[in-house]
Amino acid sequence: MSTEPEPVPPVFQPSLYYKVTAIDENPNCVNYGATFTVDEFYSNNGVNCRVWCGKCRSYMRTLTGELLDPQPEVV
């Protein structure tokens, strides 16, 4: 039994772009255990910021979130 605490998910500020990593934890998916990077992840309102798997359509656990600096220019 591990004594390490569960990692705390990142907190996202509203209306900003982040670089995030997420892990697929669905054991029924071919991507199970794989970690993915999303280079430009938009935080929307800062709540319920989720990455989902394109194969199994399940939400993945977000591991990291790094605020992009500079922010991408939206046209």
N, C-alpha and C. Protein backbone atom coordinates (compact mmCIF):
# COMPACT_ATOMS: atom_id res chain seq x y z
N MET A 1 0.84 -1.18 0.00
CA MET A 1 0.00 0.00 0.00
C MET A 1 0.89 1.24 0.00
N SER A 2 0.60 2.15 -0.91
CA SER A 2 1.41 3.36 -1.05
C SER A 2 1.04 4.39 0.01
N THR A 3 2.06 5.07 0.53
CA THR A 3 1.82 6.12 1.52
C THR A 3 1.84 7.50 0.87
N GLU A 4 2.10 7.54 -0.44
CA GLU A 4 2.14 8.83 -1.13
C GLU A 4 0.72 9.33 -1.36
N PRO A 5 0.48 10.64 -1.12
CA PRO A 5 -0.86 11.18 -1.37
C PRO A 5 -1.15 11.28 -2.87
N GLU A 6 -2.42 11.28 -3.21
CA GLU A 6 -2.82 11.47 -4.60
C GLU A 6 -2.38 12.86 -5.05
N PRO A 7 -1.87 12.98 -6.28
CA PRO A 7 -1.47 14.31 -6.76
C PRO A 7 -2.68 15.23 -6.86
N VAL A 8 -2.46 16.48 -6.54
CA VAL A 8 -3.53 17.47 -6.60
C VAL A 8 -3.65 17.95 -8.04
N PRO A 9 -4.87 17.92 -8.60
CA PRO A 9 -5.02 18.39 -9.99
C PRO A 9 -4.73 19.88 -10.07
N PRO A 10 -4.26 20.35 -11.22
CA PRO A 10 -3.95 21.77 -11.36
C PRO A 10 -5.22 22.62 -11.27
N VAL A 11 -5.05 23.85 -10.82
CA VAL A 11 -6.14 24.82 -10.76
C VAL A 11 -5.98 25.74 -11.96
N PHE A 12 -7.07 25.87 -12.72
CA PHE A 12 -7.03 26.68 -13.94
C PHE A 12 -7.74 28.01 -13.73
N GLN A 13 -7.12 29.08 -14.22
CA GLN A 13 -7.75 30.39 -14.22
C GLN A 13 -8.65 30.47 -15.45
N PRO A 14 -9.75 31.21 -15.38
CA PRO A 14 -10.65 31.31 -16.53
C PRO A 14 -10.02 32.00 -17.73
N SER A 15 -10.45 31.56 -18.90
CA SER A 15 -10.15 32.21 -20.19
C SER A 15 -8.68 32.30 -20.53
N LEU A 16 -7.91 31.29 -20.16
CA LEU A 16 -6.48 31.28 -20.48
C LEU A 16 -6.10 29.94 -21.11
N TYR A 17 -4.96 29.95 -21.80
CA TYR A 17 -4.43 28.74 -22.42
C TYR A 17 -3.32 28.14 -21.58
N TYR A 18 -3.31 26.80 -21.52
CA TYR A 18 -2.33 26.04 -20.75
C TYR A 18 -1.75 24.93 -21.62
N LYS A 19 -0.60 24.44 -21.22
CA LYS A 19 -0.06 23.19 -21.74
C LYS A 19 -0.34 22.17 -20.64
N VAL A 20 -1.09 21.11 -20.96
CA VAL A 20 -1.46 20.14 -19.94
C VAL A 20 -1.01 18.74 -20.33
N THR A 21 -0.84 17.90 -19.32
CA THR A 21 -0.64 16.47 -19.53
C THR A 21 -1.76 15.75 -18.81
N ALA A 22 -2.21 14.65 -19.41
CA ALA A 22 -3.29 13.87 -18.82
C ALA A 22 -3.02 12.39 -19.07
N ILE A 23 -3.53 11.55 -18.17
CA ILE A 23 -3.34 10.12 -18.27
C ILE A 23 -4.70 9.43 -18.43
N ASP A 24 -4.74 8.45 -19.33
CA ASP A 24 -5.96 7.67 -19.55
C ASP A 24 -6.00 6.56 -18.51
N GLU A 25 -7.04 6.55 -17.68
CA GLU A 25 -7.15 5.56 -16.61
C GLU A 25 -8.31 4.59 -16.83
N ASN A 26 -8.80 4.52 -18.06
CA ASN A 26 -9.87 3.58 -18.38
C ASN A 26 -9.24 2.24 -18.77
N PRO A 27 -9.37 1.21 -17.92
CA PRO A 27 -8.71 -0.07 -18.21
C PRO A 27 -9.27 -0.78 -19.44
N ASN A 28 -10.42 -0.34 -19.94
CA ASN A 28 -11.01 -0.96 -21.13
C ASN A 28 -10.59 -0.28 -22.43
N CYS A 29 -9.72 0.71 -22.34
CA CYS A 29 -9.30 1.48 -23.51
C CYS A 29 -7.91 1.05 -23.96
N VAL A 30 -7.68 1.12 -25.28
CA VAL A 30 -6.35 0.81 -25.81
C VAL A 30 -5.30 1.82 -25.35
N ASN A 31 -5.74 3.01 -24.92
CA ASN A 31 -4.82 4.04 -24.44
C ASN A 31 -4.58 3.97 -22.93
N TYR A 32 -5.08 2.92 -22.28
CA TYR A 32 -4.95 2.79 -20.83
C TYR A 32 -3.49 2.95 -20.39
N GLY A 33 -3.28 3.85 -19.44
CA GLY A 33 -1.94 4.09 -18.90
C GLY A 33 -1.09 5.05 -19.71
N ALA A 34 -1.56 5.45 -20.88
CA ALA A 34 -0.80 6.37 -21.73
C ALA A 34 -0.99 7.80 -21.24
N THR A 35 0.09 8.58 -21.34
CA THR A 35 0.05 9.99 -20.97
C THR A 35 0.08 10.82 -22.24
N PHE A 36 -0.77 11.83 -22.29
CA PHE A 36 -0.90 12.68 -23.46
C PHE A 36 -0.62 14.12 -23.08
N THR A 37 -0.08 14.89 -24.04
CA THR A 37 0.17 16.31 -23.86
C THR A 37 -0.73 17.09 -24.80
N VAL A 38 -1.39 18.10 -24.25
CA VAL A 38 -2.19 19.02 -25.05
C VAL A 38 -1.46 20.36 -24.99
N ASP A 39 -0.92 20.79 -26.14
CA ASP A 39 -0.08 21.99 -26.16
C ASP A 39 -0.84 23.29 -25.95
N GLU A 40 -2.08 23.38 -26.43
CA GLU A 40 -2.88 24.58 -26.24
C GLU A 40 -4.26 24.17 -25.73
N PHE A 41 -4.38 24.13 -24.42
CA PHE A 41 -5.62 23.73 -23.74
C PHE A 41 -6.28 24.97 -23.19
N TYR A 42 -7.51 25.26 -23.64
CA TYR A 42 -8.23 26.46 -23.21
C TYR A 42 -9.03 26.13 -21.96
N SER A 43 -8.94 27.00 -20.96
CA SER A 43 -9.54 26.73 -19.66
C SER A 43 -11.02 27.09 -19.55
N ASN A 44 -11.62 27.69 -20.58
CA ASN A 44 -13.02 28.13 -20.53
C ASN A 44 -13.27 28.96 -19.28
N ASN A 45 -14.17 28.52 -18.40
CA ASN A 45 -14.48 29.29 -17.20
C ASN A 45 -13.61 28.92 -16.01
N GLY A 46 -12.64 28.04 -16.21
CA GLY A 46 -11.73 27.63 -15.13
C GLY A 46 -12.26 26.48 -14.30
N VAL A 47 -13.46 26.01 -14.59
CA VAL A 47 -14.09 24.92 -13.85
C VAL A 47 -14.37 23.77 -14.82
N ASN A 48 -14.23 22.54 -14.34
CA ASN A 48 -14.48 21.35 -15.16
C ASN A 48 -13.61 21.32 -16.42
N CYS A 49 -12.36 21.69 -16.28
CA CYS A 49 -11.41 21.64 -17.38
C CYS A 49 -10.95 20.20 -17.53
N ARG A 50 -11.38 19.55 -18.59
CA ARG A 50 -11.11 18.12 -18.74
C ARG A 50 -10.57 17.79 -20.12
N VAL A 51 -9.73 16.78 -20.16
CA VAL A 51 -9.22 16.21 -21.40
C VAL A 51 -9.91 14.86 -21.54
N TRP A 52 -10.41 14.57 -22.74
CA TRP A 52 -11.06 13.28 -22.94
C TRP A 52 -10.35 12.49 -24.02
N CYS A 53 -10.49 11.19 -23.93
CA CYS A 53 -9.84 10.28 -24.86
C CYS A 53 -10.65 10.19 -26.14
N GLY A 54 -9.98 10.31 -27.26
CA GLY A 54 -10.64 10.21 -28.55
C GLY A 54 -11.02 8.78 -28.92
N LYS A 55 -10.47 7.82 -28.24
CA LYS A 55 -10.79 6.40 -28.52
C LYS A 55 -12.01 5.94 -27.73
N CYS A 56 -11.98 6.09 -26.41
CA CYS A 56 -13.04 5.54 -25.56
C CYS A 56 -14.03 6.60 -25.09
N ARG A 57 -13.75 7.87 -25.38
CA ARG A 57 -14.62 8.98 -25.00
C ARG A 57 -14.77 9.15 -23.48
N SER A 58 -13.79 8.69 -22.73
CA SER A 58 -13.78 8.87 -21.28
C SER A 58 -12.88 10.06 -20.93
N TYR A 59 -13.20 10.71 -19.81
CA TYR A 59 -12.33 11.78 -19.34
C TYR A 59 -11.06 11.19 -18.76
N MET A 60 -9.95 11.89 -18.97
CA MET A 60 -8.67 11.48 -18.42
C MET A 60 -8.37 12.31 -17.18
N ARG A 61 -7.45 11.83 -16.37
CA ARG A 61 -7.02 12.58 -15.19
C ARG A 61 -5.94 13.56 -15.61
N THR A 62 -6.16 14.83 -15.32
CA THR A 62 -5.18 15.87 -15.65
C THR A 62 -4.07 15.84 -14.62
N LEU A 63 -2.84 15.73 -15.12
CA LEU A 63 -1.68 15.64 -14.23
C LEU A 63 -1.02 16.99 -14.00
N THR A 64 -0.81 17.75 -15.07
CA THR A 64 -0.12 19.03 -14.96
C THR A 64 -0.82 20.08 -15.80
N GLY A 65 -0.65 21.32 -15.43
CA GLY A 65 -1.16 22.44 -16.20
C GLY A 65 -0.20 23.60 -16.09
N GLU A 66 0.42 23.96 -17.20
CA GLU A 66 1.40 25.05 -17.22
C GLU A 66 0.85 26.20 -18.05
N LEU A 67 0.69 27.35 -17.42
CA LEU A 67 0.16 28.53 -18.10
C LEU A 67 1.10 28.93 -19.25
N LEU A 68 0.54 29.11 -20.44
CA LEU A 68 1.36 29.52 -21.58
C LEU A 68 1.69 31.01 -21.49
N ASP A 69 2.96 31.33 -21.68
CA ASP A 69 3.42 32.71 -21.64
C ASP A 69 4.42 32.90 -22.77
N PRO A 70 4.04 33.60 -23.80
CA PRO A 70 2.84 34.41 -23.96
C PRO A 70 1.62 33.55 -24.31
N GLN A 71 0.45 34.11 -24.11
CA GLN A 71 -0.80 33.45 -24.47
C GLN A 71 -0.94 33.48 -26.00
N PRO A 72 -1.52 32.43 -26.59
CA PRO A 72 -1.74 32.46 -28.04
C PRO A 72 -2.65 33.61 -28.44
N GLU A 73 -2.39 34.16 -29.61
CA GLU A 73 -3.20 35.26 -30.10
C GLU A 73 -4.44 34.68 -30.80
N VAL A 74 -5.59 35.12 -30.36
CA VAL A 74 -6.86 34.63 -30.92
C VAL A 74 -7.36 35.68 -31.91
N VAL A 75 -7.64 35.23 -33.12
CA VAL A 75 -8.13 36.15 -34.16
C VAL A 75 -9.53 35.84 -34.56
